[in-house]
């Protein structure tokens, strides 16, 4: 995923990496966007698999699904979580310090 530095989608993903959880209304306010423009852009990003919109009765939360790397692209968040969980399991199998049996 390559996003131009000045694109709205990149600004949104960068903001979400630092300020999650947040609602569509909160994101629009923070990025000085109309709520309608923010919602439209987020729907496009959702179709591309960049974010997920969690719709509640009174608000909509935005969940980032990708992380931006140094060059504007990165792994999906689920991939990073799986890798992290795998590393923890390896550490426990080797009798690492996180193993409750070693405490």
PDB file of N, CA and C in Angstrom:
ATOM      1  N   UNK A   1       0.845  -1.176   0.000  1.00  0.00           N
ATOM      2  CA  UNK A   1       0.000   0.000   0.000  1.00  0.00           C
ATOM      3  C   UNK A   1       0.886   1.233   0.000  1.00  0.00           C
ATOM      4  N   UNK A   2       0.855   1.970  -1.078  1.00  0.00           N
ATOM      5  CA  UNK A   2       1.595   3.227  -1.157  1.00  0.00           C
ATOM      6  C   UNK A   2       0.607   4.375  -1.133  1.00  0.00           C
ATOM      7  N   UNK A   3       0.786   5.256  -0.175  1.00  0.00           N
ATOM      8  CA  UNK A   3      -0.072   6.429  -0.068  1.00  0.00           C
ATOM      9  C   UNK A   3       0.793   7.678  -0.156  1.00  0.00           C
ATOM     10  N   UNK A   4       0.404   8.643  -0.981  1.00  0.00           N
ATOM     11  CA  UNK A   4       1.159   9.897  -1.022  1.00  0.00           C
ATOM     12  C   UNK A   4       1.179  10.552   0.357  1.00  0.00           C
ATOM     13  N   UNK A   5       2.297  11.227   0.680  1.00  0.00           N
ATOM     14  CA  UNK A   5       2.453  11.841   1.993  1.00  0.00           C
ATOM     15  C   UNK A   5       1.333  12.806   2.337  1.00  0.00           C
ATOM     16  N   UNK A   6       0.826  13.508   1.363  1.00  0.00           N
ATOM     17  CA  UNK A   6      -0.173  14.535   1.631  1.00  0.00           C
ATOM     18  C   UNK A   6      -1.607  14.048   1.419  1.00  0.00           C
ATOM     19  N   UNK A   7      -1.815  12.736   1.260  1.00  0.00           N
ATOM     20  CA  UNK A   7      -3.170  12.235   1.020  1.00  0.00           C
ATOM     21  C   UNK A   7      -3.962  12.207   2.331  1.00  0.00           C
ATOM     22  N   UNK A   8      -5.252  12.370   2.205  1.00  0.00           N
ATOM     23  CA  UNK A   8      -6.128  12.323   3.367  1.00  0.00           C
ATOM     24  C   UNK A   8      -6.109  10.935   3.997  1.00  0.00           C
ATOM     25  N   UNK A   9      -6.064   9.913   3.189  1.00  0.00           N
ATOM     26  CA  UNK A   9      -6.031   8.553   3.725  1.00  0.00           C
ATOM     27  C   UNK A   9      -4.797   8.335   4.593  1.00  0.00           C
ATOM     28  N   UNK A  10      -3.657   8.820   4.143  1.00  0.00           N
ATOM     29  CA  UNK A  10      -2.428   8.679   4.931  1.00  0.00           C
ATOM     30  C   UNK A  10      -2.548   9.460   6.240  1.00  0.00           C
ATOM     31  N   UNK A  11      -3.082  10.684   6.173  1.00  0.00           N
ATOM     32  CA  UNK A  11      -3.262  11.488   7.385  1.00  0.00           C
ATOM     33  C   UNK A  11      -4.152  10.753   8.380  1.00  0.00           C
ATOM     34  N   UNK A  12      -5.209  10.145   7.873  1.00  0.00           N
ATOM     35  CA  UNK A  12      -6.125   9.407   8.741  1.00  0.00           C
ATOM     36  C   UNK A  12      -5.421   8.218   9.386  1.00  0.00           C
ATOM     37  N   UNK A  13      -4.703   7.424   8.606  1.00  0.00           N
ATOM     38  CA  UNK A  13      -4.005   6.253   9.161  1.00  0.00           C
ATOM     39  C   UNK A  13      -2.937   6.662  10.165  1.00  0.00           C
ATOM     40  N   UNK A  14      -2.207   7.731   9.880  1.00  0.00           N
ATOM     41  CA  UNK A  14      -1.197   8.216  10.820  1.00  0.00           C
ATOM     42  C   UNK A  14      -1.854   8.633  12.131  1.00  0.00           C
ATOM     43  N   UNK A  15      -2.970   9.340  12.023  1.00  0.00           N
ATOM     44  CA  UNK A  15      -3.670   9.791  13.217  1.00  0.00           C
ATOM     45  C   UNK A  15      -4.183   8.594  14.016  1.00  0.00           C
ATOM     46  N   UNK A  16      -4.755   7.616  13.342  1.00  0.00           N
ATOM     47  CA  UNK A  16      -5.306   6.446  14.022  1.00  0.00           C
ATOM     48  C   UNK A  16      -4.232   5.650  14.748  1.00  0.00           C
ATOM     49  N   UNK A  17      -3.020   5.628  14.227  1.00  0.00           N
ATOM     50  CA  UNK A  17      -1.938   4.895  14.885  1.00  0.00           C
ATOM     51  C   UNK A  17      -1.629   5.488  16.256  1.00  0.00           C
ATOM     52  N   UNK A  18      -1.872   6.767  16.430  1.00  0.00           N
ATOM     53  CA  UNK A  18      -1.563   7.438  17.694  1.00  0.00           C
ATOM     54  C   UNK A  18      -2.797   7.680  18.561  1.00  0.00           C
ATOM     55  N   UNK A  19      -3.988   7.717  17.968  1.00  0.00           N
ATOM     56  CA  UNK A  19      -5.193   8.121  18.690  1.00  0.00           C
ATOM     57  C   UNK A  19      -6.336   7.135  18.480  1.00  0.00           C
ATOM     58  N   UNK A  20      -6.153   5.924  18.899  1.00  0.00           N
ATOM     59  CA  UNK A  20      -7.191   4.912  18.777  1.00  0.00           C
ATOM     60  C   UNK A  20      -7.570   4.472  20.173  1.00  0.00           C
ATOM     61  N   UNK A  21      -8.801   4.338  20.530  1.00  0.00           N
ATOM     62  CA  UNK A  21     -10.024   4.385  19.731  1.00  0.00           C
ATOM     63  C   UNK A  21     -10.520   5.814  19.533  1.00  0.00           C
ATOM     64  N   UNK A  22     -11.238   6.008  18.447  1.00  0.00           N
ATOM     65  CA  UNK A  22     -11.829   7.307  18.140  1.00  0.00           C
ATOM     66  C   UNK A  22     -13.054   7.093  17.256  1.00  0.00           C
ATOM     67  N   UNK A  23     -13.985   8.010  17.372  1.00  0.00           N
ATOM     68  CA  UNK A  23     -15.196   7.940  16.553  1.00  0.00           C
ATOM     69  C   UNK A  23     -14.973   8.700  15.253  1.00  0.00           C
ATOM     70  N   UNK A  24     -15.866   8.499  14.296  1.00  0.00           N
ATOM     71  CA  UNK A  24     -15.809   9.248  13.034  1.00  0.00           C
ATOM     72  C   UNK A  24     -15.920  10.744  13.336  1.00  0.00           C
ATOM     73  N   UNK A  25     -16.855  11.113  14.230  1.00  0.00           N
ATOM     74  CA  UNK A  25     -17.037  12.530  14.576  1.00  0.00           C
ATOM     75  C   UNK A  25     -15.773  13.103  15.215  1.00  0.00           C
ATOM     76  N   UNK A  26     -15.148  12.342  16.109  1.00  0.00           N
ATOM     77  CA  UNK A  26     -13.915  12.795  16.755  1.00  0.00           C
ATOM     78  C   UNK A  26     -12.773  12.940  15.766  1.00  0.00           C
ATOM     79  N   UNK A  27     -12.658  11.983  14.861  1.00  0.00           N
ATOM     80  CA  UNK A  27     -11.616  12.033  13.834  1.00  0.00           C
ATOM     81  C   UNK A  27     -11.810  13.249  12.937  1.00  0.00           C
ATOM     82  N   UNK A  28     -13.058  13.475  12.522  1.00  0.00           N
ATOM     83  CA  UNK A  28     -13.360  14.639  11.670  1.00  0.00           C
ATOM     84  C   UNK A  28     -12.978  15.923  12.386  1.00  0.00           C
ATOM     85  N   UNK A  29     -13.333  16.016  13.646  1.00  0.00           N
ATOM     86  CA  UNK A  29     -13.021  17.222  14.434  1.00  0.00           C
ATOM     87  C   UNK A  29     -11.505  17.423  14.532  1.00  0.00           C
ATOM     88  N   UNK A  30     -10.779  16.365  14.857  1.00  0.00           N
ATOM     89  CA  UNK A  30      -9.320  16.459  15.044  1.00  0.00           C
ATOM     90  C   UNK A  30      -8.580  16.812  13.757  1.00  0.00           C
ATOM     91  N   UNK A  31      -9.085  16.311  12.618  1.00  0.00           N
ATOM     92  CA  UNK A  31      -8.414  16.562  11.339  1.00  0.00           C
ATOM     93  C   UNK A  31      -9.036  17.733  10.577  1.00  0.00           C
ATOM     94  N   UNK A  32      -9.948  18.452  11.230  1.00  0.00           N
ATOM     95  CA  UNK A  32     -10.585  19.632  10.633  1.00  0.00           C
ATOM     96  C   UNK A  32     -11.291  19.300   9.321  1.00  0.00           C
ATOM     97  N   UNK A  33     -12.110  18.240   9.378  1.00  0.00           N
ATOM     98  CA  UNK A  33     -12.888  17.795   8.229  1.00  0.00           C
ATOM     99  C   UNK A  33     -14.365  17.879   8.582  1.00  0.00           C
ATOM    100  N   UNK A  34     -15.203  17.953   7.566  1.00  0.00           N
ATOM    101  CA  UNK A  34     -16.628  17.796   7.836  1.00  0.00           C
ATOM    102  C   UNK A  34     -16.857  16.327   8.149  1.00  0.00           C
ATOM    103  N   UNK A  35     -17.851  16.057   8.970  1.00  0.00           N
ATOM    104  CA  UNK A  35     -18.138  14.663   9.306  1.00  0.00           C
ATOM    105  C   UNK A  35     -18.543  13.881   8.057  1.00  0.00           C
ATOM    106  N   UNK A  36     -19.248  14.531   7.142  1.00  0.00           N
ATOM    107  CA  UNK A  36     -19.670  13.880   5.896  1.00  0.00           C
ATOM    108  C   UNK A  36     -18.455  13.480   5.054  1.00  0.00           C
ATOM    109  N   UNK A  37     -17.481  14.382   4.926  1.00  0.00           N
ATOM    110  CA  UNK A  37     -16.266  14.093   4.153  1.00  0.00           C
ATOM    111  C   UNK A  37     -15.460  12.973   4.820  1.00  0.00           C
ATOM    112  N   UNK A  38     -15.339  13.038   6.137  1.00  0.00           N
ATOM    113  CA  UNK A  38     -14.600  11.995   6.861  1.00  0.00           C
ATOM    114  C   UNK A  38     -15.272  10.639   6.666  1.00  0.00           C
ATOM    115  N   UNK A  39     -16.586  10.599   6.800  1.00  0.00           N
ATOM    116  CA  UNK A  39     -17.315   9.338   6.671  1.00  0.00           C
ATOM    117  C   UNK A  39     -17.170   8.770   5.262  1.00  0.00           C
ATOM    118  N   UNK A  40     -17.282   9.621   4.253  1.00  0.00           N
ATOM    119  CA  UNK A  40     -17.126   9.156   2.866  1.00  0.00           C
ATOM    120  C   UNK A  40     -15.721   8.566   2.646  1.00  0.00           C
ATOM    121  N   UNK A  41     -14.699   9.276   3.089  1.00  0.00           N
ATOM    122  CA  UNK A  41     -13.316   8.800   2.926  1.00  0.00           C
ATOM    123  C   UNK A  41     -13.109   7.492   3.673  1.00  0.00           C
ATOM    124  N   UNK A  42     -13.657   7.382   4.869  1.00  0.00           N
ATOM    125  CA  UNK A  42     -13.520   6.156   5.649  1.00  0.00           C
ATOM    126  C   UNK A  42     -14.242   4.975   5.001  1.00  0.00           C
ATOM    127  N   UNK A  43     -15.372   5.232   4.345  1.00  0.00           N
ATOM    128  CA  UNK A  43     -16.068   4.152   3.628  1.00  0.00           C
ATOM    129  C   UNK A  43     -15.199   3.630   2.475  1.00  0.00           C
ATOM    130  N   UNK A  44     -14.523   4.549   1.776  1.00  0.00           N
ATOM    131  CA  UNK A  44     -13.604   4.149   0.703  1.00  0.00           C
ATOM    132  C   UNK A  44     -12.458   3.330   1.296  1.00  0.00           C
ATOM    133  N   UNK A  45     -11.906   3.794   2.407  1.00  0.00           N
ATOM    134  CA  UNK A  45     -10.802   3.090   3.056  1.00  0.00           C
ATOM    135  C   UNK A  45     -11.247   1.724   3.573  1.00  0.00           C
ATOM    136  N   UNK A  46     -12.493   1.625   4.006  1.00  0.00           N
ATOM    137  CA  UNK A  46     -13.017   0.341   4.480  1.00  0.00           C
ATOM    138  C   UNK A  46     -13.103  -0.654   3.330  1.00  0.00           C
ATOM    139  N   UNK A  47     -13.554  -0.197   2.166  1.00  0.00           N
ATOM    140  CA  UNK A  47     -13.624  -1.087   0.987  1.00  0.00           C
ATOM    141  C   UNK A  47     -12.234  -1.568   0.577  1.00  0.00           C
ATOM    142  N   UNK A  48     -11.229  -0.757   0.795  1.00  0.00           N
ATOM    143  CA  UNK A  48      -9.845  -1.127   0.460  1.00  0.00           C
ATOM    144  C   UNK A  48      -9.192  -1.979   1.542  1.00  0.00           C
ATOM    145  N   UNK A  49      -9.860  -2.160   2.664  1.00  0.00           N
ATOM    146  CA  UNK A  49      -9.307  -2.975   3.743  1.00  0.00           C
ATOM    147  C   UNK A  49      -8.357  -2.232   4.653  1.00  0.00           C
ATOM    148  N   UNK A  50      -8.382  -0.910   4.652  1.00  0.00           N
ATOM    149  CA  UNK A  50      -7.469  -0.117   5.486  1.00  0.00           C
ATOM    150  C   UNK A  50      -8.034   0.144   6.870  1.00  0.00           C
ATOM    151  N   UNK A  51      -9.355   0.259   6.972  1.00  0.00           N
ATOM    152  CA  UNK A  51     -10.013   0.496   8.254  1.00  0.00           C
ATOM    153  C   UNK A  51     -11.283  -0.333   8.319  1.00  0.00           C
ATOM    154  N   UNK A  52     -11.826  -0.420   9.519  1.00  0.00           N
ATOM    155  CA  UNK A  52     -13.117  -1.043   9.721  1.00  0.00           C
ATOM    156  C   UNK A  52     -13.961  -0.063  10.529  1.00  0.00           C
ATOM    157  N   UNK A  53     -15.219   0.083  10.165  1.00  0.00           N
ATOM    158  CA  UNK A  53     -16.123   0.966  10.893  1.00  0.00           C
ATOM    159  C   UNK A  53     -17.000   0.117  11.798  1.00  0.00           C
ATOM    160  N   UNK A  54     -16.920   0.388  13.096  1.00  0.00           N
ATOM    161  CA  UNK A  54     -17.730  -0.321  14.094  1.00  0.00           C
ATOM    162  C   UNK A  54     -18.941   0.553  14.402  1.00  0.00           C
ATOM    163  N   UNK A  55     -20.086   0.151  13.902  1.00  0.00           N
ATOM    164  CA  UNK A  55     -21.293   0.962  14.024  1.00  0.00           C
ATOM    165  C   UNK A  55     -22.041   0.583  15.298  1.00  0.00           C
ATOM    166  N   UNK A  56     -22.193   1.565  16.186  1.00  0.00           N
ATOM    167  CA  UNK A  56     -22.966   1.422  17.410  1.00  0.00           C
ATOM    168  C   UNK A  56     -24.240   2.247  17.262  1.00  0.00           C
ATOM    169  N   UNK A  57     -25.199   2.095  18.168  1.00  0.00           N
ATOM    170  CA  UNK A  57     -26.453   2.844  18.017  1.00  0.00           C
ATOM    171  C   UNK A  57     -26.279   4.362  17.965  1.00  0.00           C
ATOM    172  N   UNK A  58     -25.329   4.902  18.716  1.00  0.00           N
ATOM    173  CA  UNK A  58     -25.210   6.359  18.793  1.00  0.00           C
ATOM    174  C   UNK A  58     -23.918   6.930  18.215  1.00  0.00           C
ATOM    175  N   UNK A  59     -23.002   6.086  17.748  1.00  0.00           N
ATOM    176  CA  UNK A  59     -21.739   6.570  17.184  1.00  0.00           C
ATOM    177  C   UNK A  59     -21.078   5.485  16.341  1.00  0.00           C
ATOM    178  N   UNK A  60     -20.085   5.888  15.577  1.00  0.00           N
ATOM    179  CA  UNK A  60     -19.333   4.960  14.736  1.00  0.00           C
ATOM    180  C   UNK A  60     -17.857   5.089  15.099  1.00  0.00           C
ATOM    181  N   UNK A  61     -17.245   3.979  15.503  1.00  0.00           N
ATOM    182  CA  UNK A  61     -15.821   3.967  15.805  1.00  0.00           C
ATOM    183  C   UNK A  61     -15.037   3.525  14.575  1.00  0.00           C
ATOM    184  N   UNK A  62     -13.828   4.039  14.460  1.00  0.00           N
ATOM    185  CA  UNK A  62     -12.944   3.704  13.347  1.00  0.00           C
ATOM    186  C   UNK A  62     -11.835   2.817  13.891  1.00  0.00           C
ATOM    187  N   UNK A  63     -11.638   1.662  13.271  1.00  0.00           N
ATOM    188  CA  UNK A  63     -10.585   0.725  13.671  1.00  0.00           C
ATOM    189  C   UNK A  63      -9.571   0.613  12.533  1.00  0.00           C
ATOM    190  N   UNK A  64      -8.307   0.979  12.785  1.00  0.00           N
ATOM    191  CA  UNK A  64      -7.290   0.822  11.731  1.00  0.00           C
ATOM    192  C   UNK A  64      -6.974  -0.653  11.522  1.00  0.00           C
ATOM    193  N   UNK A  65      -6.816  -1.063  10.275  1.00  0.00           N
ATOM    194  CA  UNK A  65      -6.483  -2.451   9.957  1.00  0.00           C
ATOM    195  C   UNK A  65      -5.071  -2.597   9.395  1.00  0.00           C
ATOM    196  N   UNK A  66      -4.427  -1.492   9.078  1.00  0.00           N
ATOM    197  CA  UNK A  66      -3.056  -1.524   8.573  1.00  0.00           C
ATOM    198  C   UNK A  66      -2.204  -0.544   9.362  1.00  0.00           C
ATOM    199  N   UNK A  67      -0.924  -0.819   9.402  1.00  0.00           N
ATOM    200  CA  UNK A  67       0.045   0.075  10.023  1.00  0.00           C
ATOM    201  C   UNK A  67       0.899   0.686   8.929  1.00  0.00           C
ATOM    202  N   UNK A  68       1.240   1.938   9.092  1.00  0.00           N
ATOM    203  CA  UNK A  68       2.125   2.586   8.131  1.00  0.00           C
ATOM    204  C   UNK A  68       3.566   2.389   8.566  1.00  0.00           C
ATOM    205  N   UNK A  69       4.413   2.007   7.624  1.00  0.00           N
ATOM    206  CA  UNK A  69       5.834   1.898   7.890  1.00  0.00           C
ATOM    207  C   UNK A  69       6.517   3.187   7.484  1.00  0.00           C
ATOM    208  N   UNK A  70       7.825   3.173   7.443  1.00  0.00           N
ATOM    209  CA  UNK A  70       8.594   4.366   7.082  1.00  0.00           C
ATOM    210  C   UNK A  70       8.286   4.854   5.677  1.00  0.00           C
ATOM    211  N   UNK A  71       7.967   3.935   4.769  1.00  0.00           N
ATOM    212  CA  UNK A  71       7.739   4.328   3.382  1.00  0.00           C
ATOM    213  C   UNK A  71       6.256   4.417   3.049  1.00  0.00           C
ATOM    214  N   UNK A  72       5.403   4.497   4.072  1.00  0.00           N
ATOM    215  CA  UNK A  72       3.987   4.681   3.817  1.00  0.00           C
ATOM    216  C   UNK A  72       3.196   3.414   3.601  1.00  0.00           C
ATOM    217  N   UNK A  73       3.794   2.282   3.904  1.00  0.00           N
ATOM    218  CA  UNK A  73       3.056   1.041   3.792  1.00  0.00           C
ATOM    219  C   UNK A  73       3.523   0.109   4.892  1.00  0.00           C
ATOM    220  N   UNK A  74       2.762  -0.873   5.158  1.00  0.00           N
ATOM    221  CA  UNK A  74       3.148  -1.773   6.228  1.00  0.00           C
ATOM    222  C   UNK A  74       2.232  -2.967   6.276  1.00  0.00           C
ATOM    223  N   UNK A  75       2.438  -3.819   7.275  1.00  0.00           N
ATOM    224  CA  UNK A  75       1.642  -5.034   7.390  1.00  0.00           C
ATOM    225  C   UNK A  75       0.250  -4.726   7.901  1.00  0.00           C
ATOM    226  N   UNK A  76      -0.643  -5.627   7.632  1.00  0.00           N
ATOM    227  CA  UNK A  76      -1.959  -5.513   8.251  1.00  0.00           C
ATOM    228  C   UNK A  76      -1.765  -5.727   9.752  1.00  0.00           C
ATOM    229  N   UNK A  77      -2.578  -5.064  10.548  1.00  0.00           N
ATOM    230  CA  UNK A  77      -2.439  -5.171  11.998  1.00  0.00           C
ATOM    231  C   UNK A  77      -2.605  -6.607  12.470  1.00  0.00           C
ATOM    232  N   UNK A  78      -3.479  -7.375  11.821  1.00  0.00           N
ATOM    233  CA  UNK A  78      -3.678  -8.763  12.225  1.00  0.00           C
ATOM    234  C   UNK A  78      -2.388  -9.566  12.047  1.00  0.00           C
ATOM    235  N   UNK A  79      -1.633  -9.292  10.975  1.00  0.00           N
ATOM    236  CA  UNK A  79      -0.375  -9.989  10.740  1.00  0.00           C
ATOM    237  C   UNK A  79       0.606  -9.699  11.863  1.00  0.00           C
ATOM    238  N   UNK A  80       0.677  -8.444  12.294  1.00  0.00           N
ATOM    239  CA  UNK A  80       1.594  -8.059  13.355  1.00  0.00           C
ATOM    240  C   UNK A  80       1.194  -8.730  14.669  1.00  0.00           C
ATOM    241  N   UNK A  81      -0.128  -8.782  14.955  1.00  0.00           N
ATOM    242  CA  UNK A  81      -0.595  -9.426  16.176  1.00  0.00           C
ATOM    243  C   UNK A  81      -0.269 -10.907  16.166  1.00  0.00           C
ATOM    244  N   UNK A  82      -0.469 -11.567  15.004  1.00  0.00           N
ATOM    245  CA  UNK A  82      -0.168 -12.994  14.900  1.00  0.00           C
ATOM    246  C   UNK A  82       1.312 -13.246  15.138  1.00  0.00           C
ATOM    247  N   UNK A  83       2.158 -12.407  14.560  1.00  0.00           N
ATOM    248  CA  UNK A  83       3.602 -12.571  14.729  1.00  0.00           C
ATOM    249  C   UNK A  83       3.977 -12.399  16.189  1.00  0.00           C
ATOM    250  N   UNK A  84       3.405 -11.396  16.848  1.00  0.00           N
ATOM    251  CA  UNK A  84       3.684 -11.151  18.254  1.00  0.00           C
ATOM    252  C   UNK A  84       3.245 -12.336  19.108  1.00  0.00           C
ATOM    253  N   UNK A  85       2.069 -12.871  18.833  1.00  0.00           N
ATOM    254  CA  UNK A  85       1.574 -14.026  19.581  1.00  0.00           C
ATOM    255  C   UNK A  85       2.471 -15.229  19.352  1.00  0.00           C
ATOM    256  N   UNK A  86       2.953 -15.406  18.131  1.00  0.00           N
ATOM    257  CA  UNK A  86       3.862 -16.505  17.829  1.00  0.00           C
ATOM    258  C   UNK A  86       5.157 -16.396  18.602  1.00  0.00           C
ATOM    259  N   UNK A  87       5.697 -15.189  18.732  1.00  0.00           N
ATOM    260  CA  UNK A  87       6.931 -14.985  19.482  1.00  0.00           C
ATOM    261  C   UNK A  87       6.728 -15.311  20.957  1.00  0.00           C
ATOM    262  N   UNK A  88       5.578 -14.948  21.523  1.00  0.00           N
ATOM    263  CA  UNK A  88       5.288 -15.256  22.917  1.00  0.00           C
ATOM    264  C   UNK A  88       5.200 -16.759  23.122  1.00  0.00           C
ATOM    265  N   UNK A  89       4.555 -17.461  22.182  1.00  0.00           N
ATOM    266  CA  UNK A  89       4.432 -18.912  22.301  1.00  0.00           C
ATOM    267  C   UNK A  89       5.795 -19.580  22.237  1.00  0.00           C
ATOM    268  N   UNK A  90       6.662 -19.095  21.351  1.00  0.00           N
ATOM    269  CA  UNK A  90       8.020 -19.645  21.255  1.00  0.00           C
ATOM    270  C   UNK A  90       8.760 -19.459  22.566  1.00  0.00           C
ATOM    271  N   UNK A  91       8.643 -18.273  23.143  1.00  0.00           N
ATOM    272  CA  UNK A  91       9.349 -17.969  24.383  1.00  0.00           C
ATOM    273  C   UNK A  91       8.898 -18.920  25.488  1.00  0.00           C
ATOM    274  N   UNK A  92       7.588 -19.193  25.562  1.00  0.00           N
ATOM    275  CA  UNK A  92       7.063 -20.090  26.588  1.00  0.00           C
ATOM    276  C   UNK A  92       7.535 -21.517  26.360  1.00  0.00           C
ATOM    277  N   UNK A  93       7.582 -21.943  25.082  1.00  0.00           N
ATOM    278  CA  UNK A  93       8.027 -23.301  24.771  1.00  0.00           C
ATOM    279  C   UNK A  93       9.496 -23.501  25.154  1.00  0.00           C
ATOM    280  N   UNK A  94      10.290 -22.440  25.052  1.00  0.00           N
ATOM    281  CA  UNK A  94      11.710 -22.522  25.395  1.00  0.00           C
ATOM    282  C   UNK A  94      11.950 -22.318  26.882  1.00  0.00           C
ATOM    283  N   UNK A  95      10.869 -22.103  27.647  1.00  0.00           N
ATOM    284  CA  UNK A  95      11.041 -21.871  29.088  1.00  0.00           C
ATOM    285  C   UNK A  95      11.515 -20.465  29.370  1.00  0.00           C
ATOM    286  N   UNK A  96      11.038 -19.492  28.580  1.00  0.00           N
ATOM    287  CA  UNK A  96      11.438 -18.094  28.752  1.00  0.00           C
ATOM    288  C   UNK A  96      10.918 -17.499  30.025  1.00  0.00           C
ATOM    289  N   UNK A  97      11.334 -16.268  30.298  1.00  0.00           N
ATOM    290  CA  UNK A  97      10.985 -15.599  31.558  1.00  0.00           C
ATOM    291  C   UNK A  97       9.496 -15.369  31.691  1.00  0.00           C
ATOM    292  N   UNK A  98       8.757 -15.384  30.596  1.00  0.00           N
ATOM    293  CA  UNK A  98       7.320 -15.187  30.666  1.00  0.00           C
ATOM    294  C   UNK A  98       6.564 -16.461  31.041  1.00  0.00           C
ATOM    295  N   UNK A  99       7.278 -17.559  31.160  1.00  0.00           N
ATOM    296  CA  UNK A  99       6.665 -18.818  31.519  1.00  0.00           C
ATOM    297  C   UNK A  99       6.371 -18.816  33.020  1.00  0.00           C
ATOM    298  N   UNK A 100       5.101 -18.939  33.418  1.00  0.00           N
ATOM    299  CA  UNK A 100       4.750 -18.911  34.842  1.00  0.00           C
ATOM    300  C   UNK A 100       5.500 -19.978  35.653  1.00  0.00           C
ATOM    301  N   UNK A 101       5.887 -21.082  35.017  1.00  0.00           N
ATOM    302  CA  UNK A 101       6.610 -22.143  35.733  1.00  0.00           C
ATOM    303  C   UNK A 101       7.981 -21.687  36.179  1.00  0.00           C
ATOM    304  N   UNK A 102       8.535 -20.638  35.567  1.00  0.00           N
ATOM    305  CA  UNK A 102       9.863 -20.149  35.920  1.00  0.00           C
ATOM    306  C   UNK A 102       9.826 -19.089  36.992  1.00  0.00           C
ATOM    307  N   UNK A 103       8.658 -18.787  37.522  1.00  0.00           N
ATOM    308  CA  UNK A 103       8.556 -17.717  38.541  1.00  0.00           C
ATOM    309  C   UNK A 103       8.668 -18.283  39.923  1.00  0.00           C
TER     310      UNK A 103
END
